[in-house]
Amino acid sequence: MFDPPFRYPADKEPLRARARQYAWRSIILISISGVALYITTGHSQTMKTAWLTDVLSLLPSAALLLALRYELRPPTRRFPFGYLRAISISFLFTSTVLLAMGAWLLIEALVKLFTQQRPPIGAMLLFGRTIWAGWPMIAALAFSLVMGMYVGRIKQPVAQGLQSKAVEAESATNRNEWMSEGAGILGLVLVGYGIWWGDAGAAAAISAQIVYDGWLQLRQVIADLMDEAPSRIGAEGLEDLPARLCRALEGLDWVERATVRLREHGHVITGDARIIPRDEIDLTRRLAQAREAIQQMDWRLHGIVVMPVAKSDS
């Protein structure tokens, strides 16, 4: 018999709907800024890298939307634990792509630096006037910077409310736009003042940021897939939830000792609790009461197994 499908508490459903809404908003706004960057790219390595950064930053939002569509599907014979890890699988793909593409762009920028390739940023005709081509590039980068910071910040309350590392990673990727686009603007300004390495140098800085984001996300996803104990969102260290559950079980008058193991499955936390009972009177009812009591301690807990063990097994 399978556990019933996980359902978000009523107060968390609006946050989940908002996460989906913000993901679509990110895709639309970042796509608009990506078009602006593509139109003004020219032969600039900085603009090329910034445009690809915008394209890559769409991946977390698209992955989240796909995972949200699958995560609440009920268990089946083939997938008896359900689809709760769809979130982790989607972000494994996203982080791998980010890391690989960032490394490729970084190598390309470094090659241009070492070979001292000069960026051909000349003049262009705009509304009947001749202007330096770098100005439209800087305007497009500034627009992309504002869009990235906006969609990144609006997702923060959702990530905290859902305790979602997936939404937090998506938000961090968008918020980091200010660093990559800011480096791009600085690089173009340097080129405007005749400093040839500004373009490739800015591209290298942006690429390094992509590699860093990809590595952080990949490390977190691998830890989740290896059944790491629940860790705090946006910070180093583990949650104290297993210890709190253990104390709650040992607070029952019929439990002598308890041990708890928890792991994250996407947005939920599952695991098992082993208890040494003081006696075996009415054990079935007491185990059901113990499971119900600890399930109420955190809305993310789902499918926790409470089992009695002999003292020799502890």
Protein backbone atom coordinates (compact mmCIF):
# COMPACT_ATOMS: atom_id res chain seq x y z
CA MET A 1 0.00 0.00 0.00
CA PHE A 2 1.41 3.38 -1.02
CA ASP A 3 1.39 6.49 1.14
CA PRO A 4 -1.29 8.99 0.06
CA PRO A 5 0.03 11.66 -2.36
CA PHE A 6 1.61 14.68 -0.73
CA ARG A 7 -0.57 17.77 -0.63
CA TYR A 8 0.58 21.27 0.26
CA PRO A 9 -1.13 22.84 3.31
CA ALA A 10 -3.82 25.38 2.44
CA ASP A 11 -1.61 28.30 3.49
CA LYS A 12 1.23 27.12 1.20
CA GLU A 13 -0.84 26.63 -1.96
CA PRO A 14 -0.89 30.39 -2.76
CA LEU A 15 2.92 30.45 -2.47
CA ARG A 16 3.21 27.50 -4.85
CA ALA A 17 0.90 29.23 -7.32
CA ARG A 18 3.00 32.38 -6.96
CA ALA A 19 6.18 30.41 -7.67
CA ARG A 20 4.65 29.25 -10.94
CA GLN A 21 3.44 32.76 -11.78
CA TYR A 22 6.86 34.30 -11.09
CA ALA A 23 8.58 31.64 -13.18
CA TRP A 24 6.44 32.61 -16.18
CA ARG A 25 7.06 36.30 -15.45
CA SER A 26 10.81 35.63 -15.42
CA ILE A 27 10.68 33.86 -18.76
CA ILE A 28 8.77 36.75 -20.37
CA LEU A 29 10.87 39.61 -18.94
CA ILE A 30 14.23 37.93 -19.43
CA SER A 31 13.26 36.96 -22.98
CA ILE A 32 12.54 40.64 -23.72
CA SER A 33 15.91 41.70 -22.31
CA GLY A 34 17.56 38.86 -24.24
CA VAL A 35 16.12 40.20 -27.49
CA ALA A 36 17.49 43.66 -26.66
CA LEU A 37 20.92 42.18 -25.99
CA TYR A 38 20.86 40.12 -29.20
CA ILE A 39 19.96 43.14 -31.34
CA THR A 40 22.87 45.17 -29.94
CA THR A 41 25.45 42.36 -29.71
CA GLY A 42 27.53 43.20 -32.78
CA HIS A 43 31.05 41.72 -32.51
CA SER A 44 31.44 42.28 -28.77
CA GLN A 45 32.47 39.26 -26.71
CA THR A 46 30.91 40.89 -23.65
CA MET A 47 27.53 41.26 -25.36
CA LYS A 48 27.67 37.73 -26.72
CA THR A 49 28.38 36.35 -23.25
CA ALA A 50 25.71 38.54 -21.62
CA TRP A 51 23.14 37.38 -24.18
CA LEU A 52 23.99 33.73 -23.55
CA THR A 53 23.77 34.41 -19.81
CA ASP A 54 20.21 35.65 -20.30
CA VAL A 55 19.35 32.56 -22.33
CA LEU A 56 20.82 30.29 -19.66
CA SER A 57 18.98 32.12 -16.88
CA LEU A 58 15.71 30.98 -18.49
CA LEU A 59 16.58 27.35 -17.74
CA PRO A 60 15.89 27.39 -13.96
CA SER A 61 12.44 28.93 -14.50
CA ALA A 62 11.56 26.44 -17.24
CA ALA A 63 12.87 23.54 -15.13
CA LEU A 64 10.81 24.68 -12.14
CA LEU A 65 7.62 24.87 -14.19
CA LEU A 66 8.19 21.35 -15.52
CA ALA A 67 8.95 19.96 -12.07
CA LEU A 68 5.89 21.61 -10.49
CA ARG A 69 3.78 19.87 -13.09
CA TYR A 70 5.06 16.42 -12.06
CA GLU A 71 5.94 16.55 -8.35
CA LEU A 72 2.43 15.97 -6.97
CA ARG A 73 1.53 13.02 -9.20
CA PRO A 74 0.46 9.99 -7.11
CA PRO A 75 2.78 7.00 -6.63
CA THR A 76 2.63 4.17 -9.16
CA ARG A 77 3.96 0.60 -9.30
CA ARG A 78 6.97 1.85 -11.25
CA PHE A 79 7.53 4.88 -8.99
CA PRO A 80 6.22 3.77 -5.58
CA PHE A 81 7.72 6.83 -3.84
CA GLY A 82 5.99 9.23 -6.21
CA TYR A 83 7.51 12.07 -8.24
CA LEU A 84 8.59 14.39 -5.45
CA ARG A 85 12.19 14.40 -6.67
CA ALA A 86 11.20 15.89 -10.02
CA ILE A 87 12.46 19.21 -8.60
CA SER A 88 15.93 17.78 -7.94
CA ILE A 89 16.14 16.08 -11.34
CA SER A 90 15.20 19.25 -13.22
CA PHE A 91 17.82 21.30 -11.37
CA LEU A 92 20.47 18.66 -11.90
CA PHE A 93 19.99 19.28 -15.63
CA THR A 94 19.97 23.05 -15.19
CA SER A 95 23.12 23.21 -13.06
CA THR A 96 25.01 20.89 -15.40
CA VAL A 97 24.16 23.07 -18.41
CA LEU A 98 25.11 26.25 -16.53
CA LEU A 99 28.47 24.82 -15.46
CA ALA A 100 29.37 23.45 -18.89
CA MET A 101 28.32 26.57 -20.82
CA GLY A 102 30.03 28.89 -18.32
CA ALA A 103 33.29 26.95 -18.60
CA TRP A 104 33.15 27.13 -22.41
CA LEU A 105 32.51 30.88 -22.40
CA LEU A 106 35.28 31.45 -19.85
CA ILE A 107 37.82 29.59 -21.97
CA GLU A 108 36.75 31.55 -25.07
CA ALA A 109 37.12 34.89 -23.25
CA LEU A 110 40.54 33.95 -21.85
CA VAL A 111 41.76 32.96 -25.32
CA LYS A 112 40.76 36.39 -26.63
CA LEU A 113 42.60 38.02 -23.73
CA PHE A 114 45.82 36.08 -24.25
CA THR A 115 45.75 36.58 -28.03
CA GLN A 116 44.96 40.29 -27.51
CA GLN A 117 42.02 40.37 -29.91
CA ARG A 118 40.61 43.90 -30.24
CA PRO A 119 36.79 44.21 -30.25
CA PRO A 120 35.53 46.08 -33.35
CA ILE A 121 33.02 48.35 -31.61
CA GLY A 122 32.53 51.23 -34.04
CA ALA A 123 29.79 53.74 -34.77
CA MET A 124 26.17 53.27 -35.82
CA LEU A 125 23.41 55.41 -37.31
CA LEU A 126 20.45 55.96 -34.96
CA PHE A 127 17.56 58.28 -35.85
CA GLY A 128 19.72 60.04 -38.40
CA ARG A 129 22.61 60.61 -36.01
CA THR A 130 25.93 58.79 -35.78
CA ILE A 131 26.68 57.49 -32.26
CA TRP A 132 29.17 55.09 -30.69
CA ALA A 133 27.78 51.54 -30.91
CA GLY A 134 28.67 50.96 -27.27
CA TRP A 135 25.87 53.22 -25.99
CA PRO A 136 23.00 50.97 -27.19
CA MET A 137 24.93 48.00 -25.79
CA ILE A 138 25.21 49.66 -22.38
CA ALA A 139 21.50 50.56 -22.44
CA ALA A 140 20.57 46.95 -23.24
CA LEU A 141 22.82 45.67 -20.44
CA ALA A 142 21.30 48.15 -17.98
CA PHE A 143 17.78 47.02 -18.93
CA SER A 144 18.78 43.37 -18.51
CA LEU A 145 20.35 44.18 -15.13
CA VAL A 146 17.12 45.76 -13.84
CA MET A 147 14.97 42.87 -15.10
CA GLY A 148 17.23 40.27 -13.51
CA MET A 149 17.29 41.98 -10.13
CA TYR A 150 13.51 42.48 -10.18
CA VAL A 151 12.54 38.87 -10.93
CA GLY A 152 15.19 37.63 -8.50
CA ARG A 153 13.96 39.71 -5.57
CA ILE A 154 10.25 38.96 -5.97
CA LYS A 155 10.99 35.24 -5.63
CA GLN A 156 12.77 35.57 -2.28
CA PRO A 157 9.63 35.57 -0.08
CA VAL A 158 8.31 32.55 -2.00
CA ALA A 159 11.58 30.64 -1.55
CA GLN A 160 11.56 31.36 2.21
CA GLY A 161 7.86 30.57 2.61
CA LEU A 162 8.15 27.22 0.82
CA GLN A 163 11.65 26.50 2.18
CA SER A 164 12.41 25.71 -1.47
CA LYS A 165 16.03 25.40 -2.54
CA ALA A 166 14.84 25.16 -6.14
CA VAL A 167 13.15 28.57 -6.01
CA GLU A 168 16.09 29.98 -4.02
CA ALA A 169 18.57 28.80 -6.70
CA GLU A 170 16.38 30.30 -9.42
CA SER A 171 16.17 33.57 -7.49
CA ALA A 172 19.93 33.69 -6.90
CA THR A 173 20.65 33.14 -10.59
CA ASN A 174 18.42 36.10 -11.50
CA ARG A 175 19.75 38.35 -8.71
CA ASN A 176 23.32 37.76 -9.85
CA GLU A 177 22.48 39.53 -13.10
CA TRP A 178 23.62 42.80 -11.51
CA MET A 179 27.16 41.43 -11.28
CA SER A 180 27.36 39.99 -14.78
CA GLU A 181 25.62 42.88 -16.54
CA GLY A 182 27.51 45.39 -14.38
CA ALA A 183 30.80 43.79 -15.42
CA GLY A 184 29.66 44.03 -19.03
CA ILE A 185 28.89 47.75 -18.74
CA LEU A 186 32.28 48.38 -17.13
CA GLY A 187 34.02 46.44 -19.90
CA LEU A 188 32.34 48.47 -22.63
CA VAL A 189 33.21 51.73 -20.88
CA LEU A 190 36.85 50.62 -20.75
CA VAL A 191 36.75 49.85 -24.48
CA GLY A 192 35.28 53.31 -25.09
CA TYR A 193 38.35 54.79 -23.39
CA GLY A 194 40.67 52.73 -25.59
CA ILE A 195 41.44 49.92 -23.13
CA TRP A 196 41.26 46.95 -25.51
CA TRP A 197 41.09 44.20 -22.88
CA GLY A 198 37.94 45.60 -21.25
CA ASP A 199 35.60 43.63 -23.54
CA ALA A 200 37.18 40.19 -23.12
CA GLY A 201 37.92 40.87 -19.44
CA ALA A 202 34.26 41.61 -18.73
CA ALA A 203 33.25 38.49 -20.66
CA ALA A 204 35.63 36.43 -18.53
CA ALA A 205 34.14 37.91 -15.33
CA ILE A 206 30.58 37.11 -16.47
CA SER A 207 31.60 33.57 -17.46
CA ALA A 208 33.25 33.02 -14.08
CA GLN A 209 29.96 34.02 -12.40
CA ILE A 210 28.08 31.47 -14.52
CA VAL A 211 30.56 28.75 -13.56
CA TYR A 212 30.22 29.68 -9.88
CA ASP A 213 26.39 29.58 -9.99
CA GLY A 214 26.43 26.27 -11.85
CA TRP A 215 28.87 24.72 -9.39
CA LEU A 216 26.87 25.81 -6.33
CA GLN A 217 23.64 24.43 -7.77
CA LEU A 218 25.26 21.18 -8.91
CA ARG A 219 26.83 20.62 -5.49
CA GLN A 220 23.49 21.18 -3.74
CA VAL A 221 21.57 18.88 -6.11
CA ILE A 222 24.14 16.08 -5.76
CA ALA A 223 23.91 16.36 -1.97
CA ASP A 224 20.10 16.09 -2.17
CA LEU A 225 20.25 13.04 -4.46
CA MET A 226 22.70 11.41 -2.04
CA ASP A 227 20.08 11.76 0.72
CA GLU A 228 21.81 14.53 2.65
CA ALA A 229 20.04 15.47 5.88
CA PRO A 230 17.81 18.57 5.51
CA SER A 231 19.98 21.70 5.30
CA ARG A 232 19.08 25.33 5.89
CA ILE A 233 18.02 27.33 2.85
CA GLY A 234 20.44 30.05 1.82
CA ALA A 235 22.94 29.16 4.55
CA GLU A 236 25.55 26.60 5.49
CA GLY A 237 24.72 23.89 8.02
CA LEU A 238 21.97 21.37 8.69
CA GLU A 239 18.49 21.93 10.07
CA ASP A 240 17.73 20.87 13.64
CA LEU A 241 14.50 19.14 12.55
CA PRO A 242 15.78 15.55 13.11
CA ALA A 243 16.85 16.44 16.66
CA ARG A 244 13.49 18.10 17.36
CA LEU A 245 11.59 15.04 16.16
CA CYS A 246 13.81 12.81 18.26
CA ARG A 247 13.13 14.89 21.37
CA ALA A 248 9.39 14.84 20.65
CA LEU A 249 9.35 11.04 20.40
CA GLU A 250 11.44 10.57 23.53
CA GLY A 251 9.00 12.87 25.32
CA LEU A 252 6.29 10.19 24.98
CA ASP A 253 5.92 8.29 28.25
CA TRP A 254 6.07 4.86 26.54
CA VAL A 255 9.24 5.53 24.50
CA GLU A 256 12.61 4.76 26.05
CA ARG A 257 14.85 5.98 23.20
CA ALA A 258 14.45 7.18 19.60
CA THR A 259 16.59 7.84 16.52
CA VAL A 260 15.47 9.83 13.45
CA ARG A 261 16.80 9.88 9.86
CA LEU A 262 15.46 12.47 7.40
CA ARG A 263 16.22 13.35 3.78
CA GLU A 264 14.85 15.89 1.31
CA HIS A 265 12.71 14.80 -1.63
CA GLY A 266 12.30 18.00 -3.62
CA HIS A 267 10.06 20.28 -1.59
CA VAL A 268 9.20 17.66 1.06
CA ILE A 269 11.12 15.80 3.76
CA THR A 270 10.80 12.07 4.32
CA GLY A 271 12.61 9.46 6.38
CA ASP A 272 12.14 7.10 9.31
CA ALA A 273 12.09 7.12 13.09
CA ARG A 274 13.12 4.11 15.16
CA ILE A 275 11.94 3.87 18.74
CA ILE A 276 12.63 1.52 21.62
CA PRO A 277 9.34 1.10 23.52
CA ARG A 278 9.23 0.61 27.28
CA ASP A 279 6.64 -2.15 26.80
CA GLU A 280 4.63 -3.69 23.96
CA ILE A 281 1.11 -2.97 25.19
CA ASP A 282 -1.15 -1.58 22.41
CA LEU A 283 1.94 -0.84 20.28
CA THR A 284 0.07 -0.38 16.98
CA ARG A 285 -2.11 2.43 18.31
CA ARG A 286 0.82 4.11 20.00
CA LEU A 287 2.95 4.02 16.85
CA ALA A 288 0.13 5.64 14.88
CA GLN A 289 -0.18 8.36 17.53
CA ALA A 290 3.59 8.94 17.48
CA ARG A 291 3.64 9.29 13.70
CA GLU A 292 0.71 11.70 13.75
CA ALA A 293 2.38 13.80 16.47
CA ILE A 294 5.68 14.28 14.63
CA GLN A 295 3.97 14.86 11.26
CA GLN A 296 2.40 17.98 12.77
CA MET A 297 5.81 19.50 13.61
CA ASP A 298 6.64 20.62 10.05
CA TRP A 299 4.40 20.80 6.98
CA ARG A 300 7.19 19.41 4.75
CA LEU A 301 7.23 16.05 6.57
CA HIS A 302 5.62 13.31 4.46
CA GLY A 303 5.57 9.52 4.65
CA ILE A 304 7.61 9.29 7.87
CA VAL A 305 7.98 5.66 8.98
CA VAL A 306 7.90 5.03 12.73
CA MET A 307 9.06 1.55 13.67
CA PRO A 308 9.79 -0.22 16.95
CA VAL A 309 13.20 -1.87 17.33
CA ALA A 310 14.83 -4.03 19.98
CA LYS A 311 17.44 -2.49 22.23
CA SER A 312 20.11 -4.58 20.51
CA ASP A 313 19.28 -2.91 17.15
CA SER A 314 19.83 0.66 18.35
